[in-house]
Amino acid sequence: MPETTPLIDATGLCRDYGALRAVDDVDLRLERGEIVGLLGQNGAGKTSTMDMLCGVLAPTAGAIAIDGVDLLESPRTAKRALGYLAEHPPLYPDMSVRGYLAFAAALHGVPRAGRGDASDRVMSLCGLKDVAHRLIGNLSKGYRQRVGIAQAIVHDPAAIVLDEPTVGLDPIQIRAIRGLIADLGREHGIILSTHILPEVQALCSRVAIMHHGRILHGGPMSAFTDDTAVDRITVTLRRAPVDSELHAIEGITGVEHLAPGRLRLTLDPTRDVPERVAEAAVHAGWGLLEMTPDRASLEQLFVELTTADTAEASA
């Protein structure tokens, strides 16, 4: 089966502001049906990356293709497949919700005859029908965020980019916006820029962690939940063996003593090491009390990656 064209394919993206390199050699790819979390501290380069992906900001270097179309060479064509919610949605408070969405549809190139249907479709999808004729300026922040998402998808784009869509919302509003994003992610591809870890954990299938303009980690969220590829386990034994006995078990690459009888073992994840440890404990009479996967959490990885340079500087 031939490989499908990614909805967003960015390679070697750089952005300079004078002497400051805010985005440095970033590669980012988005496929249909996935939600990619772009995670980072404030100032990590997330918003500049989003702006470049959406054609709002010209890259200093690099290439961007939207659904196979070069964004820099054919921006109008490429942007037809792209929807963007900026951190501060471009809303007009004196317009009604329906009037604004029809206006947004026109800006996105939706034919005049189809703008009413397009507006009705996204109002239904985003839960805005009950406020269709209200002025945007009179809506709550949660509803304004929904209007912002609605304008980003009124032309039914394949790829959607959302920059901090839940900032400043209360817990009920956050839950509603997350539900909407999850629904959209089934039919579209979404890049979700945020610094909120629970947001990524709740919604995303992949994560990319940015720091100082670079992506330091990119991979599936399953790496934090999949028990089939454990690379560390914590073991509690009544009688702890000497290290040489543990190293004799094929696939154990490291032994760390946490407390009397409590060990952290580093494993080769391609081998069935936990089974071998259990068998060895039974045969040698070590008294196996507990064995649990010791997997780094997303929070641990984020903290390690984004504070490593601080620790080195203070050393």
C-alpha atoms as a PDB file:
ATOM      1  CA  MET A   1       0.000   0.000   0.000  1.00  0.00           C
ATOM      2  CA  PRO A   2       1.478   3.392  -0.979  1.00  0.00           C
ATOM      3  CA  GLU A   3       2.363   5.795   1.831  1.00  0.00           C
ATOM      4  CA  THR A   4      -0.259   8.495   2.376  1.00  0.00           C
ATOM      5  CA  THR A   5       0.640  12.158   2.081  1.00  0.00           C
ATOM      6  CA  PRO A   6       0.981  13.767   5.529  1.00  0.00           C
ATOM      7  CA  LEU A   7      -1.402  16.607   6.257  1.00  0.00           C
ATOM      8  CA  ILE A   8       1.485  18.709   7.569  1.00  0.00           C
ATOM      9  CA  ASP A   9       5.110  17.980   6.759  1.00  0.00           C
ATOM     10  CA  ALA A  10       7.593  20.548   8.081  1.00  0.00           C
ATOM     11  CA  THR A  11      11.344  19.999   7.808  1.00  0.00           C
ATOM     12  CA  GLY A  12      14.274  22.051   9.052  1.00  0.00           C
ATOM     13  CA  LEU A  13      12.162  24.971  10.282  1.00  0.00           C
ATOM     14  CA  CYS A  14      14.134  27.892  11.691  1.00  0.00           C
ATOM     15  CA  ARG A  15      13.030  31.349  12.759  1.00  0.00           C
ATOM     16  CA  ASP A  16      15.332  34.175  13.775  1.00  0.00           C
ATOM     17  CA  TYR A  17      14.391  37.423  15.501  1.00  0.00           C
ATOM     18  CA  GLY A  18      17.547  39.431  14.997  1.00  0.00           C
ATOM     19  CA  ALA A  19      20.309  37.570  16.809  1.00  0.00           C
ATOM     20  CA  LEU A  20      17.828  35.301  18.614  1.00  0.00           C
ATOM     21  CA  ARG A  21      17.031  31.926  17.045  1.00  0.00           C
ATOM     22  CA  ALA A  22      13.565  31.191  18.425  1.00  0.00           C
ATOM     23  CA  VAL A  23      12.976  28.017  16.372  1.00  0.00           C
ATOM     24  CA  ASP A  24      15.941  25.841  15.476  1.00  0.00           C
ATOM     25  CA  ASP A  25      15.794  23.016  12.898  1.00  0.00           C
ATOM     26  CA  VAL A  26      12.342  21.696  13.765  1.00  0.00           C
ATOM     27  CA  ASP A  27      10.801  18.735  11.927  1.00  0.00           C
ATOM     28  CA  LEU A  28       7.085  18.106  12.491  1.00  0.00           C
ATOM     29  CA  ARG A  29       4.685  15.728  10.753  1.00  0.00           C
ATOM     30  CA  LEU A  30       0.914  15.289  11.097  1.00  0.00           C
ATOM     31  CA  GLU A  31      -1.205  12.435   9.734  1.00  0.00           C
ATOM     32  CA  ARG A  32      -4.974  12.244   9.380  1.00  0.00           C
ATOM     33  CA  GLY A  33      -6.736  10.910  12.471  1.00  0.00           C
ATOM     34  CA  GLU A  34      -4.050  11.836  14.990  1.00  0.00           C
ATOM     35  CA  ILE A  35      -3.643  14.596  17.551  1.00  0.00           C
ATOM     36  CA  VAL A  36      -0.060  15.695  18.092  1.00  0.00           C
ATOM     37  CA  GLY A  37       0.696  17.591  21.282  1.00  0.00           C
ATOM     38  CA  LEU A  38       3.346  20.287  20.961  1.00  0.00           C
ATOM     39  CA  LEU A  39       4.463  20.702  24.539  1.00  0.00           C
ATOM     40  CA  GLY A  40       6.816  23.238  26.053  1.00  0.00           C
ATOM     41  CA  GLN A  41       7.357  25.994  28.563  1.00  0.00           C
ATOM     42  CA  ASN A  42       6.459  29.578  27.773  1.00  0.00           C
ATOM     43  CA  GLY A  43       9.073  30.880  25.341  1.00  0.00           C
ATOM     44  CA  ALA A  44       9.969  27.428  24.020  1.00  0.00           C
ATOM     45  CA  GLY A  45       9.111  28.410  20.432  1.00  0.00           C
ATOM     46  CA  LYS A  46       5.689  26.787  20.134  1.00  0.00           C
ATOM     47  CA  THR A  47       3.759  29.837  18.928  1.00  0.00           C
ATOM     48  CA  SER A  48       6.428  30.818  16.389  1.00  0.00           C
ATOM     49  CA  THR A  49       6.324  27.253  15.070  1.00  0.00           C
ATOM     50  CA  MET A  50       2.525  27.359  14.811  1.00  0.00           C
ATOM     51  CA  ASP A  51       2.633  30.709  13.033  1.00  0.00           C
ATOM     52  CA  MET A  52       5.075  29.339  10.472  1.00  0.00           C
ATOM     53  CA  LEU A  53       3.038  26.179   9.892  1.00  0.00           C
ATOM     54  CA  CYS A  54      -0.020  28.306   9.197  1.00  0.00           C
ATOM     55  CA  GLY A  55       1.661  30.829   6.908  1.00  0.00           C
ATOM     56  CA  VAL A  56       1.324  33.703   9.380  1.00  0.00           C
ATOM     57  CA  LEU A  57       5.090  33.982   9.858  1.00  0.00           C
ATOM     58  CA  ALA A  58       7.769  33.377   7.221  1.00  0.00           C
ATOM     59  CA  PRO A  59      10.453  30.884   8.269  1.00  0.00           C
ATOM     60  CA  THR A  60      14.084  31.931   8.152  1.00  0.00           C
ATOM     61  CA  ALA A  61      14.824  28.477   6.752  1.00  0.00           C
ATOM     62  CA  GLY A  62      13.014  25.207   6.145  1.00  0.00           C
ATOM     63  CA  ALA A  63      10.119  23.786   4.128  1.00  0.00           C
ATOM     64  CA  ILE A  64       6.407  23.290   4.879  1.00  0.00           C
ATOM     65  CA  ALA A  65       3.928  21.190   2.910  1.00  0.00           C
ATOM     66  CA  ILE A  66       0.206  21.172   3.707  1.00  0.00           C
ATOM     67  CA  ASP A  67      -1.527  18.065   2.330  1.00  0.00           C
ATOM     68  CA  GLY A  68       1.244  17.798  -0.262  1.00  0.00           C
ATOM     69  CA  VAL A  69       1.186  21.474  -1.310  1.00  0.00           C
ATOM     70  CA  ASP A  70       4.203  23.713  -0.666  1.00  0.00           C
ATOM     71  CA  LEU A  71       2.996  26.441   1.698  1.00  0.00           C
ATOM     72  CA  LEU A  72       5.660  28.942   0.662  1.00  0.00           C
ATOM     73  CA  GLU A  73       5.192  28.471  -3.103  1.00  0.00           C
ATOM     74  CA  SER A  74       1.375  28.107  -3.190  1.00  0.00           C
ATOM     75  CA  PRO A  75       0.058  29.628   0.056  1.00  0.00           C
ATOM     76  CA  ARG A  76      -3.567  30.091  -1.074  1.00  0.00           C
ATOM     77  CA  THR A  77      -3.913  26.494  -2.224  1.00  0.00           C
ATOM     78  CA  ALA A  78      -2.127  25.088   0.830  1.00  0.00           C
ATOM     79  CA  LYS A  79      -4.228  27.077   3.306  1.00  0.00           C
ATOM     80  CA  ARG A  80      -7.461  25.592   1.950  1.00  0.00           C
ATOM     81  CA  ALA A  81      -6.493  22.405   3.794  1.00  0.00           C
ATOM     82  CA  LEU A  82      -5.570  24.233   6.987  1.00  0.00           C
ATOM     83  CA  GLY A  83      -7.505  25.667   9.940  1.00  0.00           C
ATOM     84  CA  TYR A  84      -5.875  27.760  12.655  1.00  0.00           C
ATOM     85  CA  LEU A  85      -6.956  28.897  16.099  1.00  0.00           C
ATOM     86  CA  ALA A  86      -4.446  31.417  17.388  1.00  0.00           C
ATOM     87  CA  GLU A  87      -3.825  31.833  21.113  1.00  0.00           C
ATOM     88  CA  HIS A  88      -5.943  34.999  20.929  1.00  0.00           C
ATOM     89  CA  PRO A  89      -8.844  34.162  18.541  1.00  0.00           C
ATOM     90  CA  PRO A  90      -9.487  36.764  15.808  1.00  0.00           C
ATOM     91  CA  LEU A  91     -13.061  37.545  16.855  1.00  0.00           C
ATOM     92  CA  TYR A  92     -15.199  40.624  16.181  1.00  0.00           C
ATOM     93  CA  PRO A  93     -17.260  41.368  19.321  1.00  0.00           C
ATOM     94  CA  ASP A  94     -19.873  43.460  17.472  1.00  0.00           C
ATOM     95  CA  MET A  95     -20.783  40.636  15.076  1.00  0.00           C
ATOM     96  CA  SER A  96     -23.269  37.848  15.747  1.00  0.00           C
ATOM     97  CA  VAL A  97     -21.937  34.298  15.896  1.00  0.00           C
ATOM     98  CA  ARG A  98     -23.673  33.289  12.674  1.00  0.00           C
ATOM     99  CA  GLY A  99     -22.688  36.476  10.858  1.00  0.00           C
ATOM    100  CA  TYR A 100     -19.070  36.116  11.899  1.00  0.00           C
ATOM    101  CA  LEU A 101     -18.878  32.473  10.804  1.00  0.00           C
ATOM    102  CA  ALA A 102     -20.369  33.346   7.419  1.00  0.00           C
ATOM    103  CA  PHE A 103     -17.737  36.098   7.145  1.00  0.00           C
ATOM    104  CA  ALA A 104     -14.992  33.600   8.088  1.00  0.00           C
ATOM    105  CA  ALA A 105     -16.327  31.161   5.483  1.00  0.00           C
ATOM    106  CA  ALA A 106     -16.023  33.887   2.837  1.00  0.00           C
ATOM    107  CA  LEU A 107     -12.436  34.607   3.888  1.00  0.00           C
ATOM    108  CA  HIS A 108     -11.646  30.902   3.577  1.00  0.00           C
ATOM    109  CA  GLY A 109     -13.018  30.794   0.039  1.00  0.00           C
ATOM    110  CA  VAL A 110     -16.289  28.970   0.686  1.00  0.00           C
ATOM    111  CA  PRO A 111     -18.671  29.776  -2.232  1.00  0.00           C
ATOM    112  CA  ARG A 112     -21.424  32.254  -1.354  1.00  0.00           C
ATOM    113  CA  ALA A 113     -24.198  29.664  -1.802  1.00  0.00           C
ATOM    114  CA  GLY A 114     -22.566  27.327   0.699  1.00  0.00           C
ATOM    115  CA  ARG A 115     -21.637  29.761   3.473  1.00  0.00           C
ATOM    116  CA  GLY A 116     -24.917  29.443   5.368  1.00  0.00           C
ATOM    117  CA  ASP A 117     -24.720  25.649   5.386  1.00  0.00           C
ATOM    118  CA  ALA A 118     -21.059  25.789   6.405  1.00  0.00           C
ATOM    119  CA  SER A 119     -21.905  28.103   9.305  1.00  0.00           C
ATOM    120  CA  ASP A 120     -24.781  25.882  10.424  1.00  0.00           C
ATOM    121  CA  ARG A 121     -22.561  22.790  10.249  1.00  0.00           C
ATOM    122  CA  VAL A 122     -19.840  24.180  12.505  1.00  0.00           C
ATOM    123  CA  MET A 123     -22.332  25.769  14.917  1.00  0.00           C
ATOM    124  CA  SER A 124     -23.903  22.353  15.374  1.00  0.00           C
ATOM    125  CA  LEU A 125     -20.499  20.689  15.741  1.00  0.00           C
ATOM    126  CA  CYS A 126     -19.226  23.265  18.239  1.00  0.00           C
ATOM    127  CA  GLY A 127     -22.439  23.586  20.271  1.00  0.00           C
ATOM    128  CA  LEU A 128     -23.223  27.150  19.163  1.00  0.00           C
ATOM    129  CA  LYS A 129     -26.750  26.847  17.787  1.00  0.00           C
ATOM    130  CA  ASP A 130     -28.337  28.324  20.912  1.00  0.00           C
ATOM    131  CA  VAL A 131     -26.163  31.452  20.640  1.00  0.00           C
ATOM    132  CA  ALA A 132     -26.208  31.824  16.844  1.00  0.00           C
ATOM    133  CA  HIS A 133     -27.758  35.307  16.919  1.00  0.00           C
ATOM    134  CA  ARG A 134     -25.979  36.661  19.991  1.00  0.00           C
ATOM    135  CA  LEU A 135     -23.157  39.156  19.741  1.00  0.00           C
ATOM    136  CA  ILE A 136     -19.738  37.566  20.250  1.00  0.00           C
ATOM    137  CA  GLY A 137     -18.798  40.284  22.748  1.00  0.00           C
ATOM    138  CA  ASN A 138     -21.621  39.147  25.047  1.00  0.00           C
ATOM    139  CA  LEU A 139     -20.517  35.504  25.165  1.00  0.00           C
ATOM    140  CA  SER A 140     -18.557  33.800  27.939  1.00  0.00           C
ATOM    141  CA  LYS A 141     -14.904  33.024  27.295  1.00  0.00           C
ATOM    142  CA  GLY A 142     -15.733  29.346  26.822  1.00  0.00           C
ATOM    143  CA  TYR A 143     -18.228  30.146  24.079  1.00  0.00           C
ATOM    144  CA  ARG A 144     -15.790  32.574  22.464  1.00  0.00           C
ATOM    145  CA  GLN A 145     -13.245  29.758  22.310  1.00  0.00           C
ATOM    146  CA  ARG A 146     -15.863  27.599  20.598  1.00  0.00           C
ATOM    147  CA  VAL A 147     -16.460  30.358  18.064  1.00  0.00           C
ATOM    148  CA  GLY A 148     -12.710  30.527  17.510  1.00  0.00           C
ATOM    149  CA  ILE A 149     -12.549  26.805  16.792  1.00  0.00           C
ATOM    150  CA  ALA A 150     -15.630  27.063  14.570  1.00  0.00           C
ATOM    151  CA  GLN A 151     -14.009  29.751  12.386  1.00  0.00           C
ATOM    152  CA  ALA A 152     -10.922  27.539  12.057  1.00  0.00           C
ATOM    153  CA  ILE A 153     -12.937  24.622  10.662  1.00  0.00           C
ATOM    154  CA  VAL A 154     -15.750  26.390   8.779  1.00  0.00           C
ATOM    155  CA  HIS A 155     -14.110  25.490   5.437  1.00  0.00           C
ATOM    156  CA  ASP A 156     -13.702  21.837   6.542  1.00  0.00           C
ATOM    157  CA  PRO A 157      -9.877  21.727   6.501  1.00  0.00           C
ATOM    158  CA  ALA A 158      -8.013  18.439   6.764  1.00  0.00           C
ATOM    159  CA  ALA A 159      -5.415  19.827   9.207  1.00  0.00           C
ATOM    160  CA  ILE A 160      -6.205  21.938  12.258  1.00  0.00           C
ATOM    161  CA  VAL A 161      -3.699  23.843  14.391  1.00  0.00           C
ATOM    162  CA  LEU A 162      -4.806  24.929  17.870  1.00  0.00           C
ATOM    163  CA  ASP A 163      -2.608  27.223  19.957  1.00  0.00           C
ATOM    164  CA  GLU A 164      -3.436  27.088  23.689  1.00  0.00           C
ATOM    165  CA  PRO A 165      -7.194  26.519  23.157  1.00  0.00           C
ATOM    166  CA  THR A 166      -8.082  26.118  26.866  1.00  0.00           C
ATOM    167  CA  VAL A 167      -6.002  28.881  28.485  1.00  0.00           C
ATOM    168  CA  GLY A 168      -8.062  30.893  30.962  1.00  0.00           C
ATOM    169  CA  LEU A 169     -11.103  28.606  30.926  1.00  0.00           C
ATOM    170  CA  ASP A 170     -12.768  27.147  33.998  1.00  0.00           C
ATOM    171  CA  PRO A 171     -12.802  23.343  34.535  1.00  0.00           C
ATOM    172  CA  ILE A 172     -16.250  22.855  32.979  1.00  0.00           C
ATOM    173  CA  GLN A 173     -15.294  24.901  29.921  1.00  0.00           C
ATOM    174  CA  ILE A 174     -11.987  23.030  29.600  1.00  0.00           C
ATOM    175  CA  ARG A 175     -13.831  19.708  29.638  1.00  0.00           C
ATOM    176  CA  ALA A 176     -16.188  20.863  26.888  1.00  0.00           C
ATOM    177  CA  ILE A 177     -13.370  22.169  24.645  1.00  0.00           C
ATOM    178  CA  ARG A 178     -11.355  18.981  25.133  1.00  0.00           C
ATOM    179  CA  GLY A 179     -14.370  16.905  24.137  1.00  0.00           C
ATOM    180  CA  LEU A 180     -14.753  18.984  20.993  1.00  0.00           C
ATOM    181  CA  ILE A 181     -11.065  18.583  20.108  1.00  0.00           C
ATOM    182  CA  ALA A 182     -11.275  14.813  20.616  1.00  0.00           C
ATOM    183  CA  ASP A 183     -14.284  14.642  18.275  1.00  0.00           C
ATOM    184  CA  LEU A 184     -12.494  16.698  15.619  1.00  0.00           C
ATOM    185  CA  GLY A 185      -9.408  14.498  15.881  1.00  0.00           C
ATOM    186  CA  ARG A 186     -11.297  11.466  14.590  1.00  0.00           C
ATOM    187  CA  GLU A 187     -11.836  12.944  11.122  1.00  0.00           C
ATOM    188  CA  HIS A 188      -9.033  15.504  10.860  1.00  0.00           C
ATOM    189  CA  GLY A 189      -5.415  15.820  11.933  1.00  0.00           C
ATOM    190  CA  ILE A 190      -4.724  18.223  14.810  1.00  0.00           C
ATOM    191  CA  ILE A 191      -1.602  19.884  16.187  1.00  0.00           C
ATOM    192  CA  LEU A 192      -2.339  21.032  19.711  1.00  0.00           C
ATOM    193  CA  SER A 193       0.151  23.510  21.145  1.00  0.00           C
ATOM    194  CA  THR A 194       0.066  23.684  24.927  1.00  0.00           C
ATOM    195  CA  HIS A 195       2.165  23.750  28.076  1.00  0.00           C
ATOM    196  CA  ILE A 196      -0.516  21.857  30.035  1.00  0.00           C
ATOM    197  CA  LEU A 197       0.586  18.245  30.581  1.00  0.00           C
ATOM    198  CA  PRO A 198      -2.888  16.825  31.402  1.00  0.00           C
ATOM    199  CA  GLU A 199      -4.146  18.259  28.107  1.00  0.00           C
ATOM    200  CA  VAL A 200      -1.624  16.211  26.157  1.00  0.00           C
ATOM    201  CA  GLN A 201      -2.264  13.091  28.215  1.00  0.00           C
ATOM    202  CA  ALA A 202      -6.037  13.385  27.759  1.00  0.00           C
ATOM    203  CA  LEU A 203      -6.104  14.083  24.024  1.00  0.00           C
ATOM    204  CA  CYS A 204      -2.938  13.273  22.120  1.00  0.00           C
ATOM    205  CA  SER A 205      -1.693  10.195  20.298  1.00  0.00           C
ATOM    206  CA  ARG A 206       1.796  11.664  19.852  1.00  0.00           C
ATOM    207  CA  VAL A 207       3.831  14.248  21.710  1.00  0.00           C
ATOM    208  CA  ALA A 208       6.664  16.585  20.744  1.00  0.00           C
ATOM    209  CA  ILE A 209       8.502  18.411  23.537  1.00  0.00           C
ATOM    210  CA  MET A 210      10.085  21.750  22.610  1.00  0.00           C
ATOM    211  CA  HIS A 211      12.751  23.595  24.568  1.00  0.00           C
ATOM    212  CA  HIS A 212      14.798  26.607  23.472  1.00  0.00           C
ATOM    213  CA  GLY A 213      13.423  26.311  19.946  1.00  0.00           C
ATOM    214  CA  ARG A 214      14.267  22.651  19.387  1.00  0.00           C
ATOM    215  CA  ILE A 215      12.227  19.447  19.626  1.00  0.00           C
ATOM    216  CA  LEU A 216      14.024  17.356  22.226  1.00  0.00           C
ATOM    217  CA  HIS A 217      11.597  14.422  22.206  1.00  0.00           C
ATOM    218  CA  GLY A 218       9.022  13.147  19.752  1.00  0.00           C
ATOM    219  CA  GLY A 219       7.106   9.911  20.014  1.00  0.00           C
ATOM    220  CA  PRO A 220       3.801   8.147  20.700  1.00  0.00           C
ATOM    221  CA  MET A 221       1.937   8.599  23.965  1.00  0.00           C
ATOM    222  CA  SER A 222       1.780   4.797  24.200  1.00  0.00           C
ATOM    223  CA  ALA A 223       5.420   4.919  25.327  1.00  0.00           C
ATOM    224  CA  PHE A 224       4.094   6.128  28.692  1.00  0.00           C
ATOM    225  CA  THR A 225       1.328   3.521  29.009  1.00  0.00           C
ATOM    226  CA  ASP A 226       2.349   0.412  27.020  1.00  0.00           C
ATOM    227  CA  ASP A 227       3.298  -2.515  29.258  1.00  0.00           C
ATOM    228  CA  THR A 228       4.679  -4.558  26.343  1.00  0.00           C
ATOM    229  CA  ALA A 229       7.979  -2.632  26.142  1.00  0.00           C
ATOM    230  CA  VAL A 230       9.061  -2.159  29.777  1.00  0.00           C
ATOM    231  CA  ASP A 231      12.690  -1.098  30.172  1.00  0.00           C
ATOM    232  CA  ARG A 232      12.761  -0.814  33.993  1.00  0.00           C
ATOM    233  CA  ILE A 233      11.080  -2.697  36.822  1.00  0.00           C
ATOM    234  CA  THR A 234      11.058  -2.255  40.589  1.00  0.00           C
ATOM    235  CA  VAL A 235      11.370  -5.523  42.508  1.00  0.00           C
ATOM    236  CA  THR A 236      10.852  -6.171  46.240  1.00  0.00           C
ATOM    237  CA  LEU A 237      12.422  -9.368  47.641  1.00  0.00           C
ATOM    238  CA  ARG A 238      12.640 -10.925  51.113  1.00  0.00           C
ATOM    239  CA  ARG A 239      16.269 -11.874  50.429  1.00  0.00           C
ATOM    240  CA  ALA A 240      18.045  -9.660  47.945  1.00  0.00           C
ATOM    241  CA  PRO A 241      20.616 -11.533  45.815  1.00  0.00           C
ATOM    242  CA  VAL A 242      24.083 -10.216  45.091  1.00  0.00           C
ATOM    243  CA  ASP A 243      24.361  -8.153  41.915  1.00  0.00           C
ATOM    244  CA  SER A 244      26.248 -10.871  40.060  1.00  0.00           C
ATOM    245  CA  GLU A 245      23.251 -13.211  40.406  1.00  0.00           C
ATOM    246  CA  LEU A 246      20.997 -10.608  38.839  1.00  0.00           C
ATOM    247  CA  HIS A 247      23.420  -9.782  36.034  1.00  0.00           C
ATOM    248  CA  ALA A 248      23.487 -13.489  35.238  1.00  0.00           C
ATOM    249  CA  ILE A 249      19.838 -13.188  34.115  1.00  0.00           C
ATOM    250  CA  GLU A 250      19.849 -12.523  30.390  1.00  0.00           C
ATOM    251  CA  GLY A 251      18.484  -9.064  29.567  1.00  0.00           C
ATOM    252  CA  ILE A 252      19.283  -7.251  32.833  1.00  0.00           C
ATOM    253  CA  THR A 253      21.565  -4.329  32.009  1.00  0.00           C
ATOM    254  CA  GLY A 254      21.611  -2.456  35.334  1.00  0.00           C
ATOM    255  CA  VAL A 255      20.905  -2.894  39.050  1.00  0.00           C
ATOM    256  CA  GLU A 256      20.096  -0.069  41.489  1.00  0.00           C
ATOM    257  CA  HIS A 257      19.506  -0.602  45.221  1.00  0.00           C
ATOM    258  CA  LEU A 258      16.644   1.613  46.458  1.00  0.00           C
ATOM    259  CA  ALA A 259      16.226   0.134  49.956  1.00  0.00           C
ATOM    260  CA  PRO A 260      16.941  -3.168  51.699  1.00  0.00           C
ATOM    261  CA  GLY A 261      15.338  -5.823  49.510  1.00  0.00           C
ATOM    262  CA  ARG A 262      14.046  -3.247  47.017  1.00  0.00           C
ATOM    263  CA  LEU A 263      15.771  -2.965  43.633  1.00  0.00           C
ATOM    264  CA  ARG A 264      15.317  -1.145  40.348  1.00  0.00           C
ATOM    265  CA  LEU A 265      16.402  -3.253  37.401  1.00  0.00           C
ATOM    266  CA  THR A 266      17.158  -1.819  33.971  1.00  0.00           C
ATOM    267  CA  LEU A 267      16.133  -4.225  31.217  1.00  0.00           C
ATOM    268  CA  ASP A 268      16.514  -4.941  27.544  1.00  0.00           C
ATOM    269  CA  PRO A 269      12.884  -4.198  26.442  1.00  0.00           C
ATOM    270  CA  THR A 270      13.114  -6.615  23.506  1.00  0.00           C
ATOM    271  CA  ARG A 271      13.415  -9.631  25.844  1.00  0.00           C
ATOM    272  CA  ASP A 272      10.969 -11.174  28.326  1.00  0.00           C
ATOM    273  CA  VAL A 273      13.118 -10.214  31.291  1.00  0.00           C
ATOM    274  CA  PRO A 274      10.391  -9.828  33.969  1.00  0.00           C
ATOM    275  CA  GLU A 275       9.394 -13.485  33.472  1.00  0.00           C
ATOM    276  CA  ARG A 276      13.012 -14.551  33.843  1.00  0.00           C
ATOM    277  CA  VAL A 277      13.399 -12.514  37.030  1.00  0.00           C
ATOM    278  CA  ALA A 278      10.267 -14.110  38.491  1.00  0.00           C
ATOM    279  CA  GLU A 279      11.493 -17.609  37.579  1.00  0.00           C
ATOM    280  CA  ALA A 280      14.940 -16.925  39.079  1.00  0.00           C
ATOM    281  CA  ALA A 281      13.371 -15.562  42.283  1.00  0.00           C
ATOM    282  CA  VAL A 282      11.264 -18.695  42.708  1.00  0.00           C
ATOM    283  CA  HIS A 283      14.094 -21.142  41.977  1.00  0.00           C
ATOM    284  CA  ALA A 284      16.643 -19.321  44.171  1.00  0.00           C
ATOM    285  CA  GLY A 285      14.196 -18.655  47.012  1.00  0.00           C
ATOM    286  CA  TRP A 286      14.583 -14.860  46.979  1.00  0.00           C
ATOM    287  CA  GLY A 287      10.992 -14.405  48.158  1.00  0.00           C
ATOM    288  CA  LEU A 288       9.449 -12.246  45.437  1.00  0.00           C
ATOM    289  CA  LEU A 289       6.976  -9.834  47.073  1.00  0.00           C
ATOM    290  CA  GLU A 290       6.373  -7.290  44.335  1.00  0.00           C
ATOM    291  CA  MET A 291       7.316  -6.532  40.739  1.00  0.00           C
ATOM    292  CA  THR A 292       6.051  -3.393  39.000  1.00  0.00           C
ATOM    293  CA  PRO A 293       6.943  -1.544  35.769  1.00  0.00           C
ATOM    294  CA  ASP A 294       8.990   1.566  36.521  1.00  0.00           C
ATOM    295  CA  ARG A 295       8.162   3.762  33.561  1.00  0.00           C
ATOM    296  CA  ALA A 296       9.058   7.430  33.308  1.00  0.00           C
ATOM    297  CA  SER A 297       5.933   9.578  33.202  1.00  0.00           C
ATOM    298  CA  LEU A 298       5.374  12.357  30.696  1.00  0.00           C
ATOM    299  CA  GLU A 299       5.855  14.837  33.526  1.00  0.00           C
ATOM    300  CA  GLN A 300       9.186  13.281  34.517  1.00  0.00           C
ATOM    301  CA  LEU A 301      10.441  13.334  30.940  1.00  0.00           C
ATOM    302  CA  PHE A 302       9.295  16.924  30.439  1.00  0.00           C
ATOM    303  CA  VAL A 303      11.022  18.106  33.617  1.00  0.00           C
ATOM    304  CA  GLU A 304      14.228  16.217  32.795  1.00  0.00           C
ATOM    305  CA  LEU A 305      14.428  17.631  29.262  1.00  0.00           C
ATOM    306  CA  THR A 306      13.513  21.229  30.103  1.00  0.00           C
ATOM    307  CA  THR A 307      15.668  21.605  33.224  1.00  0.00           C
ATOM    308  CA  ALA A 308      18.795  19.748  32.141  1.00  0.00           C
ATOM    309  CA  ASP A 309      20.551  22.876  30.870  1.00  0.00           C
ATOM    310  CA  THR A 310      19.666  24.737  34.099  1.00  0.00           C
ATOM    311  CA  ALA A 311      21.188  21.954  36.180  1.00  0.00           C
ATOM    312  CA  GLU A 312      24.346  21.944  34.027  1.00  0.00           C
ATOM    313  CA  ALA A 313      24.711  25.737  34.308  1.00  0.00           C
ATOM    314  CA  SER A 314      24.497  25.643  38.099  1.00  0.00           C
ATOM    315  CA  ALA A 315      26.841  22.672  38.463  1.00  0.00           C
END
